Amino acid sequence: MVELSGKYKELGISEKVYRFGEETLASLRERFDEIDRIAEYNQLKVVRAMQLAGVSEACLLGTTGYGYNDLGRDTLEKVYAAVFETEDALVRPQITCGTHALALALMSNLRPGDELLSPVGKPYDTLEEVIGIRPSRGSLAEYGVAYRQVDLLPDGGFDYEGIRAAIGERTRLVTIQRSKGYQTRPTLSVARIGELISFVKQIKPDLLVMVDNCYGEFVELTEPSQVGADMVVGSLIKNPGGGLAPIGGYIAGKRECVENAACRLTSPGLAKEVGASLGVLPAFYQGLFLAPTVTASALKGAVFAANLYEKLGFSVVPDGQESRHDIIQAVTFGTPEGVIAFCEGIQAAAPVDSFVKPEPWDMPGYDSQVIMAAGAFVSGSSIELSADGPIAPPYAVYFQGGLTFPHAKLGILKSLQNLTDRGICLV
């Protein structure tokens, strides 16, 4: 143990901060065991899906050009459909990010005159321009799609009466954001999402329901597609890419919804038949294979951060004892200095660009300056150790990722060391 503490000392962690971390970890063994059991279940689910789909060495070869008859691409989409228990899936490197995947799902399944409803309050910042909440070229609003939202109740519950009143003749699609985004509300469990889906479909059975599944894949034993979602959507540089996927997104759901998305991504008449895999298939397959255990490492990091910062008196969401439904941990510092110091600590723990100091900047898609720390092997990958947050009240930082728990642990201790050195908190 002396040797281990010495290695942390080489990385700038004081004995006092190290021991505080060890004391916190000592109480988390049972939580970590449960996370490992969920990871084991999900690992078996992924292996079984790959076996049923007949994944072979030939699936790893890929195509160029049009990508006709791309065996690996088509088989991977069968694997995703099996994992999420859906009729079909679209999994492509041509989907550039999570926001693109969500925009694609919305724009392909809504038509002029339709209405989009969010019954869980404001969507993630980058979707505001997709929808047209903030005017933007090419938004849904420009194409005549209306938008309505019903905020969550003060206790984080669903406003069922408000939702009932909001569903009208034009309401075509309901979007549910599983994770909290840049909010300090609770993340939605799969069970709660299922209750909400059941409620809206009782009111209007032909409603489509899309779940923004970003940061939630493999955190629980089930996915929202297993409790009634017509589409689940996410990014491959988050949980399901396992830290290996260099780009990409997915849409898994009803065959018609997925086909609509494919027609929008490529072209009507071509749909899923084109789209070369361009050599990324080994990373996509192996990343998905690793995803359950990588997600478990990130979850352990989130639980550790929650308990450590809660002990120091900071507001954390979820708190140290709550069940987890995504990999994100929010910590509210109340000052810009706290957010910046935390992110600088995370960056300093990175294997890539550890010498870089992150600074707030006017990031596209956001209405306030944002600071992001991510010394990642894949640029912007938030399944890798990362932290970010808007420089705006209540001055909360959002921590996620860690391909391994030891790296997540180092990042959290480094953030605490930075805060301690600047007198923002005391250990």
Protein backbone atom coordinates (compact mmCIF):
# COMPACT_ATOMS: atom_id res chain seq x y z
CA MET A 1 0.00 0.00 0.00
CA VAL A 2 2.94 2.31 0.70
CA GLU A 3 4.17 1.68 -2.84
CA LEU A 4 0.72 2.55 -4.26
CA SER A 5 0.47 5.79 -2.29
CA GLY A 6 3.95 6.65 -3.50
CA LYS A 7 2.88 6.23 -7.09
CA TYR A 8 -0.06 8.59 -6.48
CA LYS A 9 2.41 11.03 -4.90
CA GLU A 10 4.41 10.99 -8.16
CA LEU A 11 1.21 12.06 -9.90
CA GLY A 12 0.67 15.00 -7.56
CA ILE A 13 -1.72 13.48 -5.01
CA SER A 14 -0.91 14.37 -1.40
CA GLU A 15 -0.99 11.77 1.35
CA LYS A 16 -3.97 13.52 2.92
CA VAL A 17 -6.08 13.46 -0.26
CA TYR A 18 -5.02 9.86 -1.00
CA ARG A 19 -6.07 8.63 2.43
CA PHE A 20 -9.38 10.49 2.22
CA GLY A 21 -10.04 8.68 -1.05
CA GLU A 22 -9.15 5.29 0.45
CA GLU A 23 -11.47 5.87 3.41
CA THR A 24 -14.29 6.69 0.99
CA LEU A 25 -13.61 3.61 -1.15
CA ALA A 26 -13.68 1.28 1.86
CA SER A 27 -17.43 1.77 2.19
CA LEU A 28 -18.21 1.07 -1.48
CA ARG A 29 -17.31 -2.59 -1.91
CA GLU A 30 -20.92 -3.85 -1.96
CA ARG A 31 -21.94 -1.15 -4.46
CA PHE A 32 -19.06 -2.10 -6.72
CA ASP A 33 -19.98 -5.80 -6.49
CA GLU A 34 -23.51 -5.01 -7.69
CA ILE A 35 -22.14 -2.95 -10.59
CA ASP A 36 -19.97 -5.93 -11.56
CA ARG A 37 -22.99 -8.27 -11.51
CA ILE A 38 -24.89 -5.98 -13.90
CA ALA A 39 -21.82 -5.80 -16.14
CA GLU A 40 -21.57 -9.59 -16.20
CA TYR A 41 -25.22 -9.92 -17.22
CA ASN A 42 -24.84 -7.35 -19.98
CA GLN A 43 -21.58 -8.91 -21.17
CA LEU A 44 -23.36 -12.23 -21.63
CA LYS A 45 -26.19 -10.43 -23.45
CA VAL A 46 -23.75 -8.89 -25.94
CA VAL A 47 -21.87 -12.16 -26.53
CA ARG A 48 -25.15 -13.99 -27.12
CA ALA A 49 -26.30 -11.32 -29.58
CA MET A 50 -23.03 -11.63 -31.52
CA GLN A 51 -23.34 -15.40 -31.63
CA LEU A 52 -26.98 -15.31 -32.79
CA ALA A 53 -26.09 -12.84 -35.54
CA GLY A 54 -23.30 -15.11 -36.77
CA VAL A 55 -20.45 -12.64 -36.40
CA SER A 56 -17.45 -13.97 -38.34
CA GLU A 57 -13.96 -12.78 -39.21
CA ALA A 58 -15.32 -11.65 -42.56
CA CYS A 59 -17.52 -9.14 -40.70
CA LEU A 60 -14.42 -7.20 -39.68
CA LEU A 61 -13.21 -6.45 -43.23
CA GLY A 62 -15.46 -3.54 -44.23
CA THR A 63 -16.09 -1.83 -47.57
CA THR A 64 -15.46 1.40 -49.48
CA GLY A 65 -17.40 3.28 -52.12
CA TYR A 66 -21.13 2.66 -52.10
CA GLY A 67 -20.87 -0.06 -49.48
CA TYR A 68 -23.30 -2.41 -51.17
CA ASN A 69 -23.61 -5.82 -49.48
CA ASP A 70 -21.42 -4.82 -46.54
CA LEU A 71 -21.62 -8.00 -44.48
CA GLY A 72 -19.99 -6.54 -41.38
CA ARG A 73 -22.18 -3.43 -41.33
CA ASP A 74 -25.40 -5.38 -41.82
CA THR A 75 -24.45 -8.01 -39.24
CA LEU A 76 -23.51 -5.34 -36.69
CA GLU A 77 -26.96 -3.81 -37.08
CA LYS A 78 -28.47 -7.23 -36.37
CA VAL A 79 -26.33 -7.42 -33.23
CA TYR A 80 -27.56 -4.02 -32.02
CA ALA A 81 -31.17 -4.99 -32.72
CA ALA A 82 -30.69 -8.17 -30.67
CA VAL A 83 -28.99 -6.33 -27.77
CA PHE A 84 -31.76 -3.72 -27.60
CA GLU A 85 -34.52 -6.22 -28.47
CA THR A 86 -35.78 -4.16 -31.40
CA GLU A 87 -36.93 -4.96 -34.93
CA ASP A 88 -34.03 -3.17 -36.61
CA ALA A 89 -31.09 -0.85 -36.04
CA LEU A 90 -29.02 1.72 -37.91
CA VAL A 91 -25.38 1.82 -36.74
CA ARG A 92 -23.15 3.97 -38.92
CA PRO A 93 -19.90 5.96 -38.89
CA GLN A 94 -21.75 8.48 -41.08
CA ILE A 95 -23.75 9.44 -37.96
CA THR A 96 -21.31 11.98 -36.58
CA CYS A 97 -22.40 12.33 -32.93
CA GLY A 98 -25.26 11.85 -30.49
CA THR A 99 -26.94 15.11 -31.47
CA HIS A 100 -26.81 14.05 -35.14
CA ALA A 101 -28.37 10.67 -34.28
CA LEU A 102 -31.19 12.37 -32.35
CA ALA A 103 -31.76 14.95 -35.09
CA LEU A 104 -31.85 12.17 -37.67
CA ALA A 105 -34.42 10.18 -35.69
CA LEU A 106 -36.62 13.25 -35.19
CA MET A 107 -36.39 14.75 -38.66
CA SER A 108 -37.06 11.44 -40.39
CA ASN A 109 -40.12 10.53 -38.32
CA LEU A 110 -41.83 13.93 -38.09
CA ARG A 111 -43.63 15.75 -40.90
CA PRO A 112 -44.78 19.36 -41.38
CA GLY A 113 -47.80 19.98 -39.17
CA ASP A 114 -46.75 17.42 -36.54
CA GLU A 115 -45.98 18.33 -32.96
CA LEU A 116 -43.06 17.11 -30.86
CA LEU A 117 -43.63 16.81 -27.10
CA SER A 118 -41.03 16.60 -24.35
CA PRO A 119 -42.77 15.53 -21.12
CA VAL A 120 -39.53 15.70 -19.10
CA GLY A 121 -38.72 19.40 -19.44
CA LYS A 122 -36.06 21.11 -21.50
CA PRO A 123 -33.96 18.87 -23.74
CA TYR A 124 -30.17 18.87 -23.84
CA ASP A 125 -28.71 22.18 -25.02
CA THR A 126 -27.60 21.03 -28.46
CA LEU A 127 -31.13 19.84 -29.30
CA GLU A 128 -32.56 23.31 -28.79
CA GLU A 129 -31.35 24.39 -32.22
CA VAL A 130 -32.41 21.09 -33.79
CA ILE A 131 -35.95 21.67 -32.53
CA GLY A 132 -35.94 25.42 -33.08
CA ILE A 133 -36.30 26.50 -29.45
CA ARG A 134 -33.32 28.65 -30.33
CA PRO A 135 -33.72 29.66 -33.99
CA SER A 136 -31.33 27.84 -36.28
CA ARG A 137 -31.03 27.11 -39.97
CA GLY A 138 -32.72 23.82 -40.90
CA SER A 139 -34.48 23.32 -37.55
CA LEU A 140 -37.69 21.35 -37.15
CA ALA A 141 -39.49 24.65 -36.60
CA GLU A 142 -38.43 25.83 -40.07
CA TYR A 143 -40.12 22.75 -41.51
CA GLY A 144 -43.38 23.42 -39.70
CA VAL A 145 -42.95 21.01 -36.79
CA ALA A 146 -44.31 22.47 -33.56
CA TYR A 147 -42.81 21.84 -30.12
CA ARG A 148 -44.28 21.67 -26.66
CA GLN A 149 -42.78 20.68 -23.32
CA VAL A 150 -44.10 19.83 -19.90
CA ASP A 151 -41.65 20.46 -17.08
CA LEU A 152 -41.00 17.97 -14.33
CA LEU A 153 -42.53 18.66 -10.95
CA PRO A 154 -40.30 20.26 -8.27
CA ASP A 155 -39.66 16.80 -6.77
CA GLY A 156 -38.55 15.43 -10.15
CA GLY A 157 -41.80 13.57 -10.77
CA PHE A 158 -43.83 13.57 -13.97
CA ASP A 159 -46.61 16.14 -14.29
CA TYR A 160 -49.15 13.60 -15.51
CA GLU A 161 -52.04 16.04 -15.72
CA GLY A 162 -49.91 18.54 -17.60
CA ILE A 163 -48.81 15.81 -20.00
CA ARG A 164 -52.40 14.67 -20.57
CA ALA A 165 -53.41 18.24 -21.40
CA ALA A 166 -50.42 18.71 -23.74
CA ILE A 167 -51.14 15.69 -25.95
CA GLY A 168 -53.30 16.85 -28.81
CA GLU A 169 -54.36 15.90 -32.30
CA ARG A 170 -51.07 17.09 -33.82
CA THR A 171 -48.82 15.38 -31.27
CA ARG A 172 -46.89 12.77 -33.23
CA LEU A 173 -43.72 12.02 -31.31
CA VAL A 174 -42.72 12.12 -27.64
CA THR A 175 -39.04 12.55 -26.81
CA ILE A 176 -37.71 11.40 -23.44
CA GLN A 177 -34.19 12.31 -22.34
CA ARG A 178 -32.93 9.61 -20.02
CA SER A 179 -29.90 11.47 -18.71
CA LYS A 180 -29.92 14.81 -16.92
CA GLY A 181 -27.93 16.87 -19.46
CA TYR A 182 -26.80 20.17 -17.96
CA GLN A 183 -29.47 20.00 -15.28
CA THR A 184 -29.39 18.79 -11.71
CA ARG A 185 -32.57 16.74 -12.05
CA PRO A 186 -32.55 12.98 -11.43
CA THR A 187 -31.71 10.70 -14.33
CA LEU A 188 -34.69 8.58 -15.37
CA SER A 189 -34.57 4.87 -14.66
CA VAL A 190 -35.75 2.41 -17.31
CA ALA A 191 -38.68 1.54 -15.04
CA ARG A 192 -39.80 5.19 -14.80
CA ILE A 193 -39.39 5.64 -18.54
CA GLY A 194 -41.60 2.58 -19.04
CA GLU A 195 -44.29 4.07 -16.80
CA LEU A 196 -44.24 7.32 -18.77
CA ILE A 197 -44.39 5.51 -22.12
CA SER A 198 -47.36 3.45 -20.93
CA PHE A 199 -49.13 6.63 -19.79
CA VAL A 200 -48.74 8.56 -23.05
CA LYS A 201 -49.68 5.56 -25.18
CA GLN A 202 -52.85 5.01 -23.19
CA ILE A 203 -53.84 8.57 -24.12
CA LYS A 204 -52.82 8.26 -27.77
CA PRO A 205 -51.80 4.74 -28.87
CA ASP A 206 -50.27 5.78 -32.20
CA LEU A 207 -47.74 8.13 -30.61
CA LEU A 208 -44.11 7.40 -31.36
CA VAL A 209 -41.74 7.53 -28.39
CA MET A 210 -38.03 8.21 -28.82
CA VAL A 211 -35.63 7.86 -25.89
CA ASP A 212 -32.33 9.73 -25.86
CA ASN A 213 -30.32 6.87 -24.40
CA CYS A 214 -26.97 8.68 -24.25
CA TYR A 215 -24.89 7.75 -21.19
CA GLY A 216 -27.42 5.11 -20.11
CA GLU A 217 -26.57 2.01 -22.14
CA PHE A 218 -25.60 -1.05 -20.05
CA VAL A 219 -26.06 0.77 -16.74
CA GLU A 220 -29.12 -1.34 -15.97
CA LEU A 221 -30.20 -4.86 -16.90
CA THR A 222 -32.76 -3.55 -19.39
CA GLU A 223 -32.96 -0.78 -21.98
CA PRO A 224 -35.86 1.62 -22.75
CA SER A 225 -36.64 -0.31 -25.94
CA GLN A 226 -37.69 -3.21 -23.71
CA VAL A 227 -40.35 -1.09 -21.97
CA GLY A 228 -42.14 0.34 -24.99
CA ALA A 229 -39.84 2.90 -26.65
CA ASP A 230 -40.24 2.92 -30.43
CA MET A 231 -36.67 4.21 -30.85
CA VAL A 232 -33.60 4.36 -28.62
CA VAL A 233 -30.83 6.64 -29.84
CA GLY A 234 -27.23 7.17 -28.80
CA SER A 235 -23.60 7.88 -29.63
CA LEU A 236 -20.83 5.36 -30.15
CA ILE A 237 -18.24 7.60 -28.47
CA LYS A 238 -20.22 7.12 -25.28
CA ASN A 239 -21.12 3.81 -23.59
CA PRO A 240 -21.78 1.40 -26.50
CA GLY A 241 -18.52 2.18 -28.30
CA GLY A 242 -16.52 0.90 -25.34
CA GLY A 243 -13.87 3.59 -25.84
CA LEU A 244 -12.75 2.07 -29.15
CA ALA A 245 -15.29 3.42 -31.64
CA PRO A 246 -13.73 6.52 -33.25
CA ILE A 247 -17.06 7.98 -34.40
CA GLY A 248 -20.66 6.93 -34.97
CA GLY A 249 -24.16 6.72 -33.62
CA TYR A 250 -27.07 4.32 -33.52
CA ILE A 251 -30.85 4.26 -33.79
CA ALA A 252 -32.52 1.02 -32.72
CA GLY A 253 -36.26 0.49 -32.82
CA LYS A 254 -39.27 -0.31 -34.96
CA ARG A 255 -38.41 -1.25 -38.52
CA GLU A 256 -40.40 1.61 -40.02
CA CYS A 257 -38.75 4.20 -37.78
CA VAL A 258 -35.28 2.89 -38.57
CA GLU A 259 -36.04 2.77 -42.30
CA ASN A 260 -37.21 6.38 -42.17
CA ALA A 261 -33.96 7.35 -40.50
CA ALA A 262 -31.91 5.45 -43.08
CA CYS A 263 -33.71 7.24 -45.91
CA ARG A 264 -32.89 10.56 -44.29
CA LEU A 265 -29.25 9.62 -43.63
CA THR A 266 -28.58 8.42 -47.20
CA SER A 267 -31.38 8.89 -49.74
CA PRO A 268 -34.94 7.75 -50.40
CA GLY A 269 -34.70 4.53 -52.37
CA LEU A 270 -31.22 3.74 -51.04
CA ALA A 271 -31.78 3.76 -47.27
CA LYS A 272 -29.70 1.11 -45.49
CA GLU A 273 -28.30 -0.42 -48.68
CA VAL A 274 -25.48 2.12 -48.97
CA GLY A 275 -22.93 3.54 -46.56
CA ALA A 276 -19.46 2.01 -46.57
CA SER A 277 -17.99 1.01 -43.22
CA LEU A 278 -14.55 2.41 -44.14
CA GLY A 279 -12.42 0.19 -41.91
CA VAL A 280 -14.05 1.03 -38.57
CA LEU A 281 -15.89 -2.26 -38.04
CA PRO A 282 -13.28 -3.95 -35.81
CA ALA A 283 -13.48 -0.99 -33.41
CA PHE A 284 -17.30 -1.02 -33.54
CA TYR A 285 -17.53 -4.74 -32.78
CA GLN A 286 -14.80 -4.87 -30.15
CA GLY A 287 -16.03 -1.64 -28.58
CA LEU A 288 -19.53 -3.08 -28.18
CA PHE A 289 -18.01 -6.27 -26.75
CA LEU A 290 -16.12 -4.24 -24.12
CA ALA A 291 -18.95 -1.78 -23.47
CA PRO A 292 -20.54 -3.50 -20.43
CA THR A 293 -17.29 -3.64 -18.47
CA VAL A 294 -16.13 -0.20 -19.58
CA THR A 295 -19.50 1.22 -18.52
CA ALA A 296 -19.08 -0.53 -15.16
CA SER A 297 -15.71 1.21 -14.66
CA ALA A 298 -17.30 4.58 -15.42
CA LEU A 299 -20.14 3.82 -13.00
CA LYS A 300 -17.71 2.99 -10.22
CA GLY A 301 -15.97 6.31 -10.84
CA ALA A 302 -19.29 8.15 -10.62
CA VAL A 303 -20.23 6.43 -7.35
CA PHE A 304 -16.79 7.20 -5.91
CA ALA A 305 -17.03 10.87 -6.92
CA ALA A 306 -20.53 11.19 -5.44
CA ASN A 307 -19.51 9.78 -2.08
CA LEU A 308 -16.25 11.70 -1.90
CA TYR A 309 -17.71 15.12 -2.71
CA GLU A 310 -20.83 14.51 -0.64
CA LYS A 311 -18.60 13.95 2.39
CA LEU A 312 -17.09 17.38 1.76
CA GLY A 313 -20.51 19.04 1.85
CA PHE A 314 -21.13 19.63 -1.86
CA SER A 315 -24.50 18.96 -3.48
CA VAL A 316 -24.22 15.90 -5.72
CA VAL A 317 -26.76 14.36 -8.13
CA PRO A 318 -27.25 11.43 -7.78
CA ASP A 319 -26.28 11.33 -4.13
CA GLY A 320 -23.90 8.75 -2.74
CA GLN A 321 -26.57 6.13 -2.03
CA GLU A 322 -29.02 6.49 -4.93
CA SER A 323 -29.42 3.86 -7.62
CA ARG A 324 -27.65 4.75 -10.86
CA HIS A 325 -29.27 5.07 -14.28
CA ASP A 326 -26.48 6.74 -16.26
CA ILE A 327 -22.75 7.32 -15.89
CA ILE A 328 -22.93 11.07 -15.23
CA GLN A 329 -22.17 12.58 -11.84
CA ALA A 330 -23.12 16.20 -11.17
CA VAL A 331 -21.34 18.17 -8.45
CA THR A 332 -22.48 21.70 -7.69
CA PHE A 333 -19.76 24.10 -6.57
CA GLY A 334 -21.70 27.36 -6.71
CA THR A 335 -18.81 29.30 -8.25
CA PRO A 336 -17.09 29.35 -11.66
CA GLU A 337 -13.77 28.83 -9.89
CA GLY A 338 -14.94 25.48 -8.52
CA VAL A 339 -16.06 24.21 -11.93
CA ILE A 340 -12.83 25.34 -13.58
CA ALA A 341 -10.59 23.87 -10.86
CA PHE A 342 -12.39 20.51 -11.05
CA CYS A 343 -12.02 20.34 -14.84
CA GLU A 344 -8.37 21.32 -14.68
CA GLY A 345 -7.79 18.43 -12.27
CA ILE A 346 -9.48 15.93 -14.58
CA GLN A 347 -7.41 17.17 -17.53
CA ALA A 348 -4.20 16.87 -15.53
CA ALA A 349 -4.96 13.18 -14.92
CA ALA A 350 -5.35 12.40 -18.64
CA PRO A 351 -3.03 10.13 -20.64
CA VAL A 352 -3.32 12.51 -23.61
CA ASP A 353 -2.83 16.29 -23.34
CA SER A 354 -2.34 16.20 -19.56
CA PHE A 355 -0.29 19.41 -19.87
CA VAL A 356 -3.19 21.34 -21.43
CA LYS A 357 -5.25 23.70 -19.28
CA PRO A 358 -8.96 23.68 -20.28
CA GLU A 359 -10.66 27.06 -20.51
CA PRO A 360 -14.32 28.12 -20.90
CA TRP A 361 -15.24 28.92 -24.51
CA ASP A 362 -18.20 29.64 -26.76
CA MET A 363 -18.87 26.08 -27.86
CA PRO A 364 -21.26 25.61 -30.82
CA GLY A 365 -24.76 24.57 -29.78
CA TYR A 366 -24.66 26.08 -26.28
CA ASP A 367 -26.04 29.40 -25.04
CA SER A 368 -23.31 30.03 -22.44
CA GLN A 369 -19.60 29.38 -22.24
CA VAL A 370 -18.69 25.76 -21.56
CA ILE A 371 -15.53 24.25 -20.12
CA MET A 372 -14.57 20.74 -21.16
CA ALA A 373 -11.79 18.50 -19.88
CA ALA A 374 -11.03 15.39 -21.92
CA GLY A 375 -7.55 14.12 -22.60
CA ALA A 376 -8.93 11.29 -24.68
CA PHE A 377 -7.70 8.84 -27.29
CA VAL A 378 -10.87 9.64 -29.28
CA SER A 379 -11.56 13.36 -29.49
CA GLY A 380 -14.64 14.27 -27.45
CA SER A 381 -15.19 10.72 -26.23
CA SER A 382 -17.18 11.01 -23.01
CA ILE A 383 -16.93 7.34 -22.09
CA GLU A 384 -13.30 8.22 -21.47
CA LEU A 385 -12.43 10.22 -18.36
CA SER A 386 -13.96 13.65 -18.91
CA ALA A 387 -15.75 16.52 -17.21
CA ASP A 388 -17.59 19.55 -18.46
CA GLY A 389 -20.12 22.15 -17.50
CA PRO A 390 -21.58 25.52 -18.45
CA ILE A 391 -20.14 28.59 -16.78
CA ALA A 392 -23.57 29.59 -15.50
CA PRO A 393 -25.53 29.21 -12.23
CA PRO A 394 -25.69 26.96 -10.29
CA TYR A 395 -22.11 26.31 -11.45
CA ALA A 396 -22.27 22.54 -11.54
CA VAL A 397 -19.74 20.25 -13.18
CA TYR A 398 -20.68 16.98 -14.90
CA PHE A 399 -18.17 14.16 -14.55
CA GLN A 400 -18.31 10.96 -16.57
CA GLY A 401 -16.27 8.15 -17.99
CA GLY A 402 -13.11 6.30 -17.25
CA LEU A 403 -12.19 3.30 -19.40
CA THR A 404 -10.81 1.72 -16.24
CA PHE A 405 -11.72 2.43 -12.63
CA PRO A 406 -8.10 3.13 -11.57
CA HIS A 407 -7.97 5.95 -14.11
CA ALA A 408 -11.34 7.32 -12.98
CA LYS A 409 -10.09 7.18 -9.40
CA LEU A 410 -6.94 9.10 -10.30
CA GLY A 411 -8.97 11.78 -12.08
CA ILE A 412 -11.29 12.26 -9.12
CA LEU A 413 -8.40 12.49 -6.66
CA LYS A 414 -6.62 14.92 -8.98
CA SER A 415 -9.72 17.12 -9.13
CA LEU A 416 -9.93 17.12 -5.34
CA GLN A 417 -6.23 17.91 -5.04
CA ASN A 418 -6.67 20.89 -7.35
CA LEU A 419 -9.65 22.19 -5.38
CA THR A 420 -7.76 21.71 -2.12
CA ASP A 421 -4.64 23.46 -3.38
CA ARG A 422 -6.76 26.48 -4.34
CA GLY A 423 -8.55 26.61 -0.98
CA ILE A 424 -11.98 25.88 -2.51
CA CYS A 425 -12.45 22.91 -0.19
CA LEU A 426 -10.62 21.32 2.71
CA VAL A 427 -9.95 17.61 3.26
